[in-house]
């Protein structure tokens, strides 16, 4: 990560089946933002040692070995630059800036998400569930809402984009903004025993489901 921030790493290579990045697109990695400058398809043999070093590798052979590619195998070469810290960090810590106007804007976006869902309203239920069981594995949370895990994670990512939730090593919790918006606080959390029971009832090992809950800062 240091090389990306310092600007010495500005290239990456991917063995994608189709392009998963476009010029101008921004991506979050390890709490930071990068912006894509260029996306092109090259052959594995066209990777140069100079470009490999721009990707943080020793040489081109190391890149090809990592990708499992050689010769004329197609490889995506992505050029990018560092933008700065993840903008969601400041957003989720902006509870002091929650004006009536801002609250109405957030609520309006949540309402649109609910209306667009084929499964009915889910935003309030999700926020309350995460507030009650911070650090609980997503598999269990998804079952509580009657959702498949992939769909649930996509939904929570939408809440994260609004700054209302943040990820833990396992599971999620409400951000300071999320707590202020919902009016909930840490006293609303269920105890670790209740979280473990919920996991056990869902057939998930309690130690995996509650480790993030017990260790969450």
N, C-alpha and C. Protein backbone atom coordinates (compact mmCIF):
# COMPACT_ATOMS: atom_id res chain seq x y z
N UNK A 1 0.82 -1.21 0.00
CA UNK A 1 0.00 0.00 0.00
C UNK A 1 0.85 1.26 0.00
N UNK A 2 2.01 1.19 0.67
CA UNK A 2 2.88 2.37 0.75
C UNK A 2 3.30 2.83 -0.64
N UNK A 3 3.59 1.86 -1.53
CA UNK A 3 4.00 2.22 -2.88
C UNK A 3 2.91 2.92 -3.66
N UNK A 4 1.66 2.54 -3.43
CA UNK A 4 0.53 3.18 -4.11
C UNK A 4 0.40 4.62 -3.62
N UNK A 5 0.49 4.82 -2.31
CA UNK A 5 0.37 6.17 -1.74
C UNK A 5 1.53 7.05 -2.21
N UNK A 6 2.73 6.49 -2.26
CA UNK A 6 3.91 7.26 -2.66
C UNK A 6 3.97 7.48 -4.17
N UNK A 7 3.17 6.74 -4.93
CA UNK A 7 3.16 6.92 -6.38
C UNK A 7 4.17 6.08 -7.13
N UNK A 8 4.84 5.14 -6.45
CA UNK A 8 5.79 4.27 -7.15
C UNK A 8 5.10 3.05 -7.76
N UNK A 9 3.91 2.71 -7.28
CA UNK A 9 3.11 1.64 -7.87
C UNK A 9 1.93 2.28 -8.57
N UNK A 10 1.90 2.16 -9.88
CA UNK A 10 0.86 2.82 -10.68
C UNK A 10 0.24 1.88 -11.72
N UNK A 11 0.58 0.61 -11.64
CA UNK A 11 0.10 -0.36 -12.62
C UNK A 11 -0.28 -1.65 -11.89
N UNK A 12 -1.29 -2.34 -12.40
CA UNK A 12 -1.58 -3.69 -11.93
C UNK A 12 -1.99 -4.52 -13.13
N UNK A 13 -1.86 -5.82 -13.00
CA UNK A 13 -2.22 -6.75 -14.07
C UNK A 13 -3.25 -7.74 -13.56
N UNK A 14 -4.25 -8.03 -14.39
CA UNK A 14 -5.31 -8.95 -14.00
C UNK A 14 -5.64 -9.90 -15.15
N UNK A 15 -5.89 -11.17 -14.81
CA UNK A 15 -6.27 -12.18 -15.81
C UNK A 15 -7.80 -12.28 -15.85
N UNK A 16 -8.44 -11.15 -16.11
CA UNK A 16 -9.90 -11.11 -16.15
C UNK A 16 -10.44 -11.76 -17.43
N UNK A 17 -11.66 -12.24 -17.34
CA UNK A 17 -12.36 -12.74 -18.52
C UNK A 17 -13.00 -11.57 -19.27
N UNK A 18 -13.33 -10.51 -18.54
CA UNK A 18 -13.89 -9.30 -19.13
C UNK A 18 -13.42 -8.12 -18.28
N UNK A 19 -13.44 -6.90 -18.83
CA UNK A 19 -12.93 -5.75 -18.07
C UNK A 19 -13.80 -5.45 -16.85
N UNK A 20 -13.15 -5.31 -15.70
CA UNK A 20 -13.85 -4.99 -14.46
C UNK A 20 -13.46 -3.61 -13.96
N UNK A 21 -12.84 -2.82 -14.84
CA UNK A 21 -12.49 -1.44 -14.50
C UNK A 21 -12.53 -0.63 -15.79
N UNK A 22 -12.82 0.67 -15.65
CA UNK A 22 -12.86 1.57 -16.81
C UNK A 22 -12.09 2.84 -16.46
N UNK A 23 -11.51 3.50 -17.44
CA UNK A 23 -10.82 4.76 -17.16
C UNK A 23 -11.75 5.77 -16.48
N UNK A 24 -11.24 6.39 -15.44
CA UNK A 24 -12.04 7.34 -14.67
C UNK A 24 -12.74 6.72 -13.48
N UNK A 25 -12.82 5.40 -13.46
CA UNK A 25 -13.47 4.73 -12.33
C UNK A 25 -12.60 4.78 -11.09
N UNK A 26 -13.25 4.88 -9.95
CA UNK A 26 -12.52 4.91 -8.68
C UNK A 26 -12.80 3.63 -7.89
N UNK A 27 -11.76 3.16 -7.20
CA UNK A 27 -11.87 1.92 -6.43
C UNK A 27 -11.27 2.13 -5.05
N UNK A 28 -11.88 1.50 -4.07
CA UNK A 28 -11.41 1.60 -2.69
C UNK A 28 -10.59 0.37 -2.34
N UNK A 29 -9.39 0.60 -1.83
CA UNK A 29 -8.53 -0.51 -1.40
C UNK A 29 -7.88 -0.14 -0.08
N UNK A 30 -8.10 -0.98 0.92
CA UNK A 30 -7.45 -0.82 2.22
C UNK A 30 -7.60 0.59 2.78
N UNK A 31 -8.80 1.14 2.68
CA UNK A 31 -9.05 2.45 3.27
C UNK A 31 -8.58 3.61 2.42
N UNK A 32 -8.26 3.36 1.14
CA UNK A 32 -7.79 4.44 0.27
C UNK A 32 -8.48 4.36 -1.08
N UNK A 33 -8.41 5.47 -1.83
CA UNK A 33 -9.02 5.56 -3.15
C UNK A 33 -7.96 5.62 -4.24
N UNK A 34 -8.17 4.87 -5.31
CA UNK A 34 -7.36 5.02 -6.51
C UNK A 34 -8.30 5.31 -7.68
N UNK A 35 -7.76 5.92 -8.72
CA UNK A 35 -8.54 6.21 -9.93
C UNK A 35 -7.85 5.57 -11.13
N UNK A 36 -8.63 4.90 -11.96
CA UNK A 36 -8.10 4.21 -13.13
C UNK A 36 -7.83 5.21 -14.24
N UNK A 37 -6.64 5.13 -14.82
CA UNK A 37 -6.26 6.01 -15.92
C UNK A 37 -6.36 5.32 -17.28
N UNK A 38 -6.06 4.02 -17.30
CA UNK A 38 -5.97 3.33 -18.58
C UNK A 38 -6.23 1.84 -18.38
N UNK A 39 -6.99 1.25 -19.29
CA UNK A 39 -7.24 -0.20 -19.26
C UNK A 39 -7.01 -0.73 -20.67
N UNK A 40 -6.11 -1.68 -20.78
CA UNK A 40 -5.84 -2.25 -22.10
C UNK A 40 -5.55 -3.74 -21.98
N UNK A 41 -5.77 -4.46 -23.08
CA UNK A 41 -5.47 -5.89 -23.13
C UNK A 41 -4.13 -6.08 -23.83
N UNK A 42 -3.23 -6.81 -23.19
CA UNK A 42 -1.94 -7.14 -23.78
C UNK A 42 -1.73 -8.65 -23.65
N UNK A 43 -0.71 -9.14 -24.29
CA UNK A 43 -0.36 -10.56 -24.11
C UNK A 43 0.55 -10.68 -22.90
N UNK A 44 0.56 -11.85 -22.31
CA UNK A 44 1.41 -12.07 -21.15
C UNK A 44 2.88 -11.83 -21.48
N UNK A 45 3.27 -12.18 -22.69
CA UNK A 45 4.68 -12.00 -23.07
C UNK A 45 5.05 -10.53 -23.24
N UNK A 46 4.04 -9.64 -23.37
CA UNK A 46 4.31 -8.21 -23.57
C UNK A 46 4.55 -7.47 -22.25
N UNK A 47 4.35 -8.14 -21.14
CA UNK A 47 4.62 -7.50 -19.84
C UNK A 47 6.13 -7.29 -19.72
N UNK A 48 6.52 -6.06 -19.45
CA UNK A 48 7.95 -5.74 -19.35
C UNK A 48 8.39 -5.73 -17.89
N UNK A 49 9.69 -5.84 -17.69
CA UNK A 49 10.22 -5.77 -16.33
C UNK A 49 9.95 -4.40 -15.73
N UNK A 50 10.01 -3.36 -16.55
CA UNK A 50 9.76 -2.00 -16.05
C UNK A 50 8.33 -1.87 -15.55
N UNK A 51 7.38 -2.40 -16.33
CA UNK A 51 5.98 -2.35 -15.91
C UNK A 51 5.76 -3.22 -14.68
N UNK A 52 6.45 -4.35 -14.62
CA UNK A 52 6.33 -5.22 -13.45
C UNK A 52 6.74 -4.47 -12.19
N UNK A 53 7.83 -3.69 -12.28
CA UNK A 53 8.27 -2.91 -11.11
C UNK A 53 7.26 -1.83 -10.77
N UNK A 54 6.59 -1.27 -11.78
CA UNK A 54 5.51 -0.29 -11.51
C UNK A 54 4.33 -0.96 -10.81
N UNK A 55 4.24 -2.28 -10.92
CA UNK A 55 3.17 -3.04 -10.25
C UNK A 55 3.63 -3.61 -8.91
N UNK A 56 4.86 -3.27 -8.53
CA UNK A 56 5.36 -3.73 -7.24
C UNK A 56 5.97 -5.11 -7.27
N UNK A 57 6.20 -5.65 -8.48
CA UNK A 57 6.81 -6.97 -8.62
C UNK A 57 8.29 -6.82 -8.97
N UNK A 58 9.05 -7.90 -8.81
CA UNK A 58 10.48 -7.87 -9.10
C UNK A 58 10.74 -7.81 -10.60
N UNK A 59 10.00 -8.63 -11.34
CA UNK A 59 10.17 -8.65 -12.80
C UNK A 59 8.92 -9.24 -13.46
N UNK A 60 8.93 -9.25 -14.78
CA UNK A 60 7.76 -9.70 -15.53
C UNK A 60 7.46 -11.17 -15.29
N UNK A 61 8.51 -11.98 -15.10
CA UNK A 61 8.30 -13.41 -14.86
C UNK A 61 7.48 -13.63 -13.60
N UNK A 62 7.71 -12.81 -12.58
CA UNK A 62 6.94 -12.92 -11.34
C UNK A 62 5.46 -12.60 -11.58
N UNK A 63 5.20 -11.61 -12.40
CA UNK A 63 3.81 -11.25 -12.71
C UNK A 63 3.12 -12.40 -13.45
N UNK A 64 3.80 -12.93 -14.46
CA UNK A 64 3.21 -14.03 -15.23
C UNK A 64 2.97 -15.25 -14.34
N UNK A 65 3.87 -15.51 -13.43
CA UNK A 65 3.70 -16.66 -12.53
C UNK A 65 2.51 -16.44 -11.60
N UNK A 66 2.35 -15.21 -11.10
CA UNK A 66 1.21 -14.91 -10.22
C UNK A 66 -0.11 -15.08 -10.95
N UNK A 67 -0.12 -14.68 -12.22
CA UNK A 67 -1.36 -14.74 -13.00
C UNK A 67 -1.59 -16.12 -13.62
N UNK A 68 -0.56 -16.94 -13.64
CA UNK A 68 -0.67 -18.24 -14.30
C UNK A 68 -0.84 -18.09 -15.79
N UNK A 69 -0.15 -17.09 -16.35
CA UNK A 69 -0.30 -16.78 -17.78
C UNK A 69 1.06 -16.79 -18.45
N UNK A 70 1.05 -17.05 -19.75
CA UNK A 70 2.29 -17.04 -20.51
C UNK A 70 1.99 -16.83 -21.98
N UNK A 71 3.03 -16.52 -22.75
CA UNK A 71 2.89 -16.39 -24.20
C UNK A 71 1.85 -15.39 -24.62
N UNK A 72 0.90 -15.84 -25.44
CA UNK A 72 -0.12 -14.96 -25.99
C UNK A 72 -1.40 -14.90 -25.14
N UNK A 73 -1.36 -15.44 -23.94
CA UNK A 73 -2.53 -15.36 -23.06
C UNK A 73 -2.89 -13.88 -22.85
N UNK A 74 -4.18 -13.52 -22.98
CA UNK A 74 -4.57 -12.12 -22.80
C UNK A 74 -4.55 -11.71 -21.33
N UNK A 75 -4.00 -10.54 -21.08
CA UNK A 75 -3.89 -9.98 -19.74
C UNK A 75 -4.38 -8.53 -19.76
N UNK A 76 -5.09 -8.14 -18.72
CA UNK A 76 -5.49 -6.74 -18.61
C UNK A 76 -4.41 -5.96 -17.87
N UNK A 77 -3.95 -4.88 -18.49
CA UNK A 77 -3.00 -3.97 -17.86
C UNK A 77 -3.78 -2.72 -17.44
N UNK A 78 -3.78 -2.43 -16.15
CA UNK A 78 -4.55 -1.30 -15.61
C UNK A 78 -3.59 -0.27 -15.03
N UNK A 79 -3.62 0.94 -15.58
CA UNK A 79 -2.84 2.04 -15.03
C UNK A 79 -3.72 2.87 -14.12
N UNK A 80 -3.18 3.34 -13.01
CA UNK A 80 -3.99 4.09 -12.05
C UNK A 80 -3.12 5.09 -11.28
N UNK A 81 -3.77 5.96 -10.54
CA UNK A 81 -3.04 6.86 -9.65
C UNK A 81 -3.77 6.96 -8.32
N UNK A 82 -3.03 7.34 -7.31
CA UNK A 82 -3.58 7.45 -5.96
C UNK A 82 -4.37 8.75 -5.82
N UNK A 83 -5.56 8.66 -5.22
CA UNK A 83 -6.40 9.84 -5.02
C UNK A 83 -6.32 10.35 -3.59
N UNK A 84 -6.48 9.46 -2.63
CA UNK A 84 -6.43 9.87 -1.23
C UNK A 84 -7.16 8.87 -0.35
N UNK A 85 -7.37 9.21 0.91
CA UNK A 85 -8.08 8.32 1.83
C UNK A 85 -9.50 8.04 1.34
N UNK A 86 -10.01 6.89 1.71
CA UNK A 86 -11.39 6.50 1.39
C UNK A 86 -12.34 7.56 1.91
N UNK A 87 -13.14 8.16 1.01
CA UNK A 87 -14.05 9.23 1.40
C UNK A 87 -15.15 8.77 2.34
N UNK A 88 -15.39 7.46 2.41
CA UNK A 88 -16.43 6.97 3.31
C UNK A 88 -16.02 7.08 4.78
N UNK A 89 -14.71 7.13 5.03
CA UNK A 89 -14.25 7.22 6.41
C UNK A 89 -14.71 8.53 7.03
N UNK A 90 -14.49 9.63 6.30
CA UNK A 90 -14.96 10.91 6.79
C UNK A 90 -16.47 10.96 6.85
N UNK A 91 -17.13 10.34 5.87
CA UNK A 91 -18.59 10.36 5.82
C UNK A 91 -19.19 9.65 7.02
N UNK A 92 -18.68 8.48 7.36
CA UNK A 92 -19.29 7.73 8.45
C UNK A 92 -18.97 8.33 9.82
N UNK A 93 -17.98 9.22 9.88
CA UNK A 93 -17.65 9.90 11.13
C UNK A 93 -18.23 11.30 11.21
N UNK A 94 -19.18 11.61 10.32
CA UNK A 94 -19.72 12.96 10.25
C UNK A 94 -21.03 13.13 11.01
N UNK A 95 -21.17 12.42 12.13
CA UNK A 95 -22.41 12.50 12.91
C UNK A 95 -22.71 13.92 13.36
N UNK A 96 -21.67 14.71 13.64
CA UNK A 96 -21.88 16.09 14.11
C UNK A 96 -22.46 16.98 13.02
N UNK A 97 -22.41 16.51 11.78
CA UNK A 97 -22.91 17.30 10.66
C UNK A 97 -24.29 16.83 10.20
N UNK A 98 -24.96 16.03 11.03
CA UNK A 98 -26.27 15.48 10.65
C UNK A 98 -27.36 16.52 10.89
N UNK A 99 -27.52 17.43 9.96
CA UNK A 99 -28.57 18.44 10.03
C UNK A 99 -29.90 17.83 9.61
N UNK A 100 -30.98 18.55 9.82
CA UNK A 100 -32.30 18.07 9.38
C UNK A 100 -32.31 17.85 7.87
N UNK A 101 -31.64 18.74 7.14
CA UNK A 101 -31.59 18.60 5.69
C UNK A 101 -30.83 17.34 5.28
N UNK A 102 -29.72 17.10 5.94
CA UNK A 102 -28.92 15.90 5.64
C UNK A 102 -29.70 14.64 6.01
N UNK A 103 -30.38 14.67 7.14
CA UNK A 103 -31.17 13.52 7.56
C UNK A 103 -32.26 13.21 6.53
N UNK A 104 -32.91 14.26 6.04
CA UNK A 104 -33.97 14.07 5.04
C UNK A 104 -33.41 13.50 3.74
N UNK A 105 -32.22 13.93 3.38
CA UNK A 105 -31.58 13.42 2.16
C UNK A 105 -31.26 11.95 2.30
N UNK A 106 -30.70 11.55 3.43
CA UNK A 106 -30.38 10.13 3.66
C UNK A 106 -31.66 9.30 3.65
N UNK A 107 -32.70 9.79 4.35
CA UNK A 107 -33.95 9.05 4.41
C UNK A 107 -34.57 8.88 3.03
N UNK A 108 -34.46 9.93 2.21
CA UNK A 108 -35.00 9.86 0.86
C UNK A 108 -34.29 8.78 0.04
N UNK A 109 -32.99 8.66 0.21
CA UNK A 109 -32.24 7.64 -0.52
C UNK A 109 -32.57 6.24 -0.01
N UNK A 110 -32.77 6.11 1.30
CA UNK A 110 -33.17 4.82 1.85
C UNK A 110 -34.56 4.42 1.34
N UNK A 111 -35.45 5.39 1.28
CA UNK A 111 -36.81 5.12 0.78
C UNK A 111 -36.77 4.64 -0.67
N UNK A 112 -35.89 5.24 -1.47
CA UNK A 112 -35.77 4.82 -2.87
C UNK A 112 -35.25 3.39 -2.95
N UNK A 113 -34.30 3.04 -2.08
CA UNK A 113 -33.78 1.68 -2.06
C UNK A 113 -34.89 0.69 -1.71
N UNK A 114 -35.70 1.05 -0.74
CA UNK A 114 -36.80 0.17 -0.33
C UNK A 114 -37.80 -0.02 -1.47
N UNK A 115 -38.12 1.06 -2.14
CA UNK A 115 -39.10 0.97 -3.24
C UNK A 115 -38.57 0.16 -4.41
N UNK A 116 -37.26 0.22 -4.62
CA UNK A 116 -36.66 -0.49 -5.75
C UNK A 116 -36.46 -1.98 -5.48
N UNK A 117 -36.60 -2.39 -4.23
CA UNK A 117 -36.35 -3.79 -3.87
C UNK A 117 -37.54 -4.67 -4.21
N UNK A 118 -37.27 -5.77 -4.91
CA UNK A 118 -38.36 -6.71 -5.23
C UNK A 118 -38.79 -7.50 -4.01
N UNK A 119 -37.97 -7.46 -2.94
CA UNK A 119 -38.29 -8.19 -1.71
C UNK A 119 -38.94 -7.30 -0.66
N UNK A 120 -39.22 -6.05 -1.01
CA UNK A 120 -39.87 -5.15 -0.06
C UNK A 120 -38.86 -4.36 0.76
N UNK A 121 -39.34 -3.50 1.65
CA UNK A 121 -38.45 -2.65 2.46
C UNK A 121 -37.45 -3.46 3.27
N UNK A 122 -36.20 -3.03 3.24
CA UNK A 122 -35.15 -3.77 3.95
C UNK A 122 -34.18 -2.87 4.72
N UNK A 123 -34.16 -1.59 4.42
CA UNK A 123 -33.10 -0.73 4.98
C UNK A 123 -33.20 -0.59 6.49
N UNK A 124 -34.38 -0.29 7.02
CA UNK A 124 -34.54 -0.11 8.46
C UNK A 124 -34.28 -1.41 9.20
N UNK A 125 -34.80 -2.52 8.66
CA UNK A 125 -34.58 -3.82 9.29
C UNK A 125 -33.09 -4.14 9.35
N UNK A 126 -32.38 -3.86 8.27
CA UNK A 126 -30.95 -4.16 8.22
C UNK A 126 -30.17 -3.33 9.22
N UNK A 127 -30.48 -2.04 9.30
CA UNK A 127 -29.78 -1.15 10.23
C UNK A 127 -30.02 -1.59 11.67
N UNK A 128 -31.25 -1.95 12.00
CA UNK A 128 -31.55 -2.37 13.37
C UNK A 128 -30.89 -3.71 13.70
N UNK A 129 -30.85 -4.61 12.73
CA UNK A 129 -30.23 -5.92 12.96
C UNK A 129 -28.73 -5.75 13.20
N UNK A 130 -28.09 -4.92 12.41
CA UNK A 130 -26.65 -4.68 12.58
C UNK A 130 -26.39 -3.98 13.90
N UNK A 131 -27.27 -3.05 14.28
CA UNK A 131 -27.10 -2.36 15.57
C UNK A 131 -27.21 -3.34 16.73
N UNK A 132 -28.09 -4.32 16.60
CA UNK A 132 -28.30 -5.29 17.66
C UNK A 132 -27.20 -6.34 17.72
N UNK A 133 -26.70 -6.73 16.54
CA UNK A 133 -25.69 -7.80 16.48
C UNK A 133 -24.45 -7.34 15.71
N UNK A 134 -23.73 -6.34 16.19
CA UNK A 134 -22.49 -5.94 15.49
C UNK A 134 -21.47 -7.06 15.54
N UNK A 135 -20.77 -7.27 14.44
CA UNK A 135 -19.76 -8.32 14.40
C UNK A 135 -20.29 -9.70 14.14
N UNK A 136 -21.58 -9.83 13.85
CA UNK A 136 -22.14 -11.16 13.58
C UNK A 136 -21.95 -11.48 12.10
N UNK A 137 -21.56 -12.71 11.82
CA UNK A 137 -21.24 -13.12 10.46
C UNK A 137 -22.42 -12.85 9.53
N UNK A 138 -22.11 -12.43 8.30
CA UNK A 138 -23.14 -12.01 7.36
C UNK A 138 -24.11 -13.12 6.99
N UNK A 139 -23.64 -14.37 7.03
CA UNK A 139 -24.52 -15.49 6.71
C UNK A 139 -25.74 -15.52 7.63
N UNK A 140 -25.50 -15.29 8.92
CA UNK A 140 -26.59 -15.30 9.91
C UNK A 140 -27.49 -14.09 9.74
N UNK A 141 -26.89 -12.93 9.54
CA UNK A 141 -27.68 -11.72 9.35
C UNK A 141 -28.60 -11.86 8.13
N UNK A 142 -28.06 -12.40 7.05
CA UNK A 142 -28.85 -12.55 5.83
C UNK A 142 -30.05 -13.46 6.07
N UNK A 143 -29.85 -14.54 6.81
CA UNK A 143 -30.95 -15.47 7.09
C UNK A 143 -32.04 -14.80 7.91
N UNK A 144 -31.64 -13.93 8.83
CA UNK A 144 -32.63 -13.23 9.64
C UNK A 144 -33.53 -12.34 8.80
N UNK A 145 -33.00 -11.86 7.69
CA UNK A 145 -33.77 -11.00 6.80
C UNK A 145 -34.40 -11.76 5.64
N UNK A 146 -34.18 -13.07 5.62
CA UNK A 146 -34.74 -13.88 4.54
C UNK A 146 -34.08 -13.62 3.19
N UNK A 147 -32.79 -13.26 3.21
CA UNK A 147 -32.08 -12.95 1.98
C UNK A 147 -30.94 -13.93 1.76
N UNK A 148 -30.57 -14.08 0.50
CA UNK A 148 -29.36 -14.82 0.18
C UNK A 148 -28.16 -13.96 0.56
N UNK A 149 -27.09 -14.60 0.99
CA UNK A 149 -25.92 -13.85 1.46
C UNK A 149 -25.37 -12.87 0.42
N UNK A 150 -25.20 -13.26 -0.87
CA UNK A 150 -24.68 -12.29 -1.84
C UNK A 150 -25.56 -11.05 -1.97
N UNK A 151 -26.88 -11.25 -2.00
CA UNK A 151 -27.80 -10.11 -2.11
C UNK A 151 -27.73 -9.23 -0.87
N UNK A 152 -27.62 -9.87 0.29
CA UNK A 152 -27.52 -9.13 1.55
C UNK A 152 -26.26 -8.26 1.56
N UNK A 153 -25.13 -8.81 1.13
CA UNK A 153 -23.88 -8.06 1.13
C UNK A 153 -23.94 -6.88 0.18
N UNK A 154 -24.60 -7.05 -0.95
CA UNK A 154 -24.78 -5.93 -1.88
C UNK A 154 -25.60 -4.83 -1.23
N UNK A 155 -26.66 -5.22 -0.52
CA UNK A 155 -27.49 -4.22 0.16
C UNK A 155 -26.70 -3.47 1.23
N UNK A 156 -25.92 -4.19 2.01
CA UNK A 156 -25.16 -3.54 3.07
C UNK A 156 -24.10 -2.62 2.48
N UNK A 157 -23.58 -2.98 1.31
CA UNK A 157 -22.62 -2.09 0.64
C UNK A 157 -23.29 -0.76 0.29
N UNK A 158 -24.56 -0.79 -0.04
CA UNK A 158 -25.29 0.45 -0.33
C UNK A 158 -25.40 1.32 0.93
N UNK A 159 -25.64 0.69 2.07
CA UNK A 159 -25.70 1.43 3.33
C UNK A 159 -24.33 1.99 3.67
N UNK A 160 -23.29 1.24 3.33
CA UNK A 160 -21.93 1.70 3.60
C UNK A 160 -21.60 2.93 2.76
N UNK A 161 -22.11 2.95 1.51
CA UNK A 161 -21.87 4.09 0.64
C UNK A 161 -22.49 5.37 1.21
N UNK A 162 -23.54 5.22 1.98
CA UNK A 162 -24.18 6.37 2.64
C UNK A 162 -23.47 6.74 3.94
N UNK A 163 -22.49 5.93 4.34
CA UNK A 163 -21.76 6.21 5.57
C UNK A 163 -22.45 5.70 6.82
N UNK A 164 -23.47 4.83 6.67
CA UNK A 164 -24.25 4.39 7.82
C UNK A 164 -23.69 3.15 8.51
N UNK A 165 -22.92 2.35 7.79
CA UNK A 165 -22.35 1.14 8.37
C UNK A 165 -20.86 1.07 8.04
N UNK A 166 -20.16 0.21 8.76
CA UNK A 166 -18.76 -0.05 8.46
C UNK A 166 -18.47 -1.52 8.73
N UNK A 167 -17.50 -2.05 8.01
CA UNK A 167 -17.16 -3.46 8.12
C UNK A 167 -16.20 -3.71 9.27
N UNK A 168 -16.40 -4.84 9.93
CA UNK A 168 -15.45 -5.35 10.91
C UNK A 168 -14.72 -6.53 10.28
N UNK A 169 -13.79 -7.12 11.00
CA UNK A 169 -13.11 -8.31 10.49
C UNK A 169 -14.15 -9.37 10.15
N UNK A 170 -15.15 -9.49 10.99
CA UNK A 170 -16.32 -10.33 10.73
C UNK A 170 -17.55 -9.48 10.96
N UNK A 171 -18.46 -9.44 10.00
CA UNK A 171 -19.70 -8.70 10.18
C UNK A 171 -19.56 -7.20 10.04
N UNK A 172 -20.51 -6.49 10.62
CA UNK A 172 -20.59 -5.05 10.46
C UNK A 172 -20.99 -4.40 11.78
N UNK A 173 -20.97 -3.08 11.80
CA UNK A 173 -21.55 -2.31 12.88
C UNK A 173 -22.03 -0.98 12.31
N UNK A 174 -22.89 -0.30 13.03
CA UNK A 174 -23.29 1.03 12.61
C UNK A 174 -22.14 1.99 12.84
N UNK A 175 -21.96 2.90 11.93
CA UNK A 175 -20.95 3.94 12.07
C UNK A 175 -21.48 5.00 13.04
N UNK A 176 -20.64 5.95 13.45
CA UNK A 176 -21.15 7.07 14.26
C UNK A 176 -22.31 7.79 13.58
N UNK A 177 -22.21 7.97 12.25
CA UNK A 177 -23.32 8.60 11.52
C UNK A 177 -24.55 7.70 11.57
N UNK A 178 -24.35 6.38 11.40
CA UNK A 178 -25.48 5.45 11.43
C UNK A 178 -26.17 5.44 12.78
N UNK A 179 -25.39 5.51 13.86
CA UNK A 179 -25.96 5.55 15.21
C UNK A 179 -26.77 6.83 15.41
N UNK A 180 -26.21 7.95 14.94
CA UNK A 180 -26.91 9.22 15.10
C UNK A 180 -28.18 9.25 14.26
N UNK A 181 -28.11 8.70 13.06
CA UNK A 181 -29.26 8.73 12.16
C UNK A 181 -30.40 7.86 12.70
N UNK A 182 -30.07 6.67 13.20
CA UNK A 182 -31.10 5.76 13.69
C UNK A 182 -31.56 6.08 15.10
N UNK A 183 -30.75 6.86 15.83
CA UNK A 183 -31.09 7.16 17.22
C UNK A 183 -30.75 6.03 18.16
N UNK A 184 -30.01 5.03 17.66
CA UNK A 184 -29.60 3.89 18.48
C UNK A 184 -28.23 4.17 19.08
N UNK A 185 -27.85 3.42 20.09
CA UNK A 185 -26.51 3.53 20.65
C UNK A 185 -26.05 2.14 21.10
N UNK A 186 -24.90 2.07 21.73
CA UNK A 186 -24.33 0.78 22.07
C UNK A 186 -25.18 -0.02 23.05
N UNK A 187 -26.08 0.64 23.78
CA UNK A 187 -26.93 -0.10 24.72
C UNK A 187 -27.94 -0.97 23.99
N UNK A 188 -28.10 -0.72 22.68
CA UNK A 188 -29.05 -1.54 21.91
C UNK A 188 -28.44 -2.87 21.49
N UNK A 189 -27.14 -3.06 21.70
CA UNK A 189 -26.48 -4.29 21.28
C UNK A 189 -26.93 -5.49 22.11
N UNK A 190 -27.09 -6.60 21.42
CA UNK A 190 -27.37 -7.85 22.14
C UNK A 190 -26.05 -8.38 22.69
N UNK A 191 -26.12 -9.12 23.78
CA UNK A 191 -24.91 -9.69 24.35
C UNK A 191 -24.33 -10.78 23.47
N UNK A 192 -23.08 -11.13 23.73
CA UNK A 192 -22.40 -12.15 22.94
C UNK A 192 -23.13 -13.48 23.01
N UNK A 193 -23.73 -13.80 24.17
CA UNK A 193 -24.45 -15.07 24.30
C UNK A 193 -25.64 -15.12 23.34
N UNK A 194 -26.35 -14.00 23.23
CA UNK A 194 -27.50 -13.96 22.32
C UNK A 194 -27.04 -14.09 20.87
N UNK A 195 -25.91 -13.47 20.54
CA UNK A 195 -25.37 -13.56 19.19
C UNK A 195 -24.95 -15.00 18.88
N UNK A 196 -24.35 -15.65 19.85
CA UNK A 196 -23.94 -17.04 19.65
C UNK A 196 -25.15 -17.95 19.46
N UNK A 197 -26.21 -17.70 20.21
CA UNK A 197 -27.41 -18.52 20.07
C UNK A 197 -28.02 -18.33 18.68
N UNK A 198 -28.04 -17.08 18.21
CA UNK A 198 -28.57 -16.81 16.89
C UNK A 198 -27.77 -17.55 15.83
N UNK A 199 -26.45 -17.54 15.98
CA UNK A 199 -25.59 -18.24 15.03
C UNK A 199 -25.83 -19.75 15.11
N UNK A 200 -25.91 -20.27 16.33
CA UNK A 200 -26.09 -21.71 16.50
C UNK A 200 -27.43 -22.16 15.90
N UNK A 201 -28.46 -21.35 16.10
CA UNK A 201 -29.77 -21.69 15.55
C UNK A 201 -29.75 -21.69 14.02
N UNK A 202 -28.83 -20.88 13.46
CA UNK A 202 -28.72 -20.81 12.00
C UNK A 202 -27.77 -21.85 11.44
N UNK A 203 -27.17 -22.66 12.36
CA UNK A 203 -26.27 -23.71 11.92
C UNK A 203 -24.88 -23.23 11.59
N UNK A 204 -24.49 -22.05 12.14
CA UNK A 204 -23.15 -21.50 11.92
C UNK A 204 -22.37 -21.61 13.21
N UNK A 205 -21.10 -22.00 13.12
CA UNK A 205 -20.28 -22.15 14.32
C UNK A 205 -20.21 -20.85 15.09
N UNK A 206 -20.62 -20.82 16.36
CA UNK A 206 -20.62 -19.59 17.15
C UNK A 206 -19.27 -18.90 17.22
N UNK A 207 -18.19 -19.67 17.27
CA UNK A 207 -16.87 -19.03 17.38
C UNK A 207 -16.57 -18.20 16.15
N UNK A 208 -16.99 -18.65 14.98
CA UNK A 208 -16.77 -17.88 13.76
C UNK A 208 -17.75 -16.71 13.68
N UNK A 209 -18.94 -16.91 14.17
CA UNK A 209 -19.96 -15.89 14.03
C UNK A 209 -19.79 -14.74 15.00
N UNK A 210 -19.17 -14.98 16.14
CA UNK A 210 -19.15 -13.96 17.17
C UNK A 210 -17.77 -13.44 17.52
N UNK A 211 -16.75 -13.95 16.84
CA UNK A 211 -15.40 -13.48 17.15
C UNK A 211 -15.28 -11.97 16.93
N UNK A 212 -15.84 -11.50 15.78
CA UNK A 212 -15.81 -10.06 15.54
C UNK A 212 -16.65 -9.30 16.53
N UNK A 213 -17.77 -9.90 16.99
CA UNK A 213 -18.64 -9.25 17.98
C UNK A 213 -17.93 -9.05 19.30
N UNK A 214 -17.18 -10.06 19.75
CA UNK A 214 -16.51 -9.96 21.04
C UNK A 214 -15.30 -9.03 20.98
N UNK A 215 -14.64 -8.99 19.81
CA UNK A 215 -13.42 -8.23 19.70
C UNK A 215 -13.58 -6.84 19.08
N UNK A 216 -14.82 -6.51 18.68
CA UNK A 216 -15.03 -5.22 18.04
C UNK A 216 -14.66 -4.09 18.96
N UNK A 217 -13.89 -3.08 18.44
CA UNK A 217 -13.49 -1.96 19.29
C UNK A 217 -14.67 -1.08 19.65
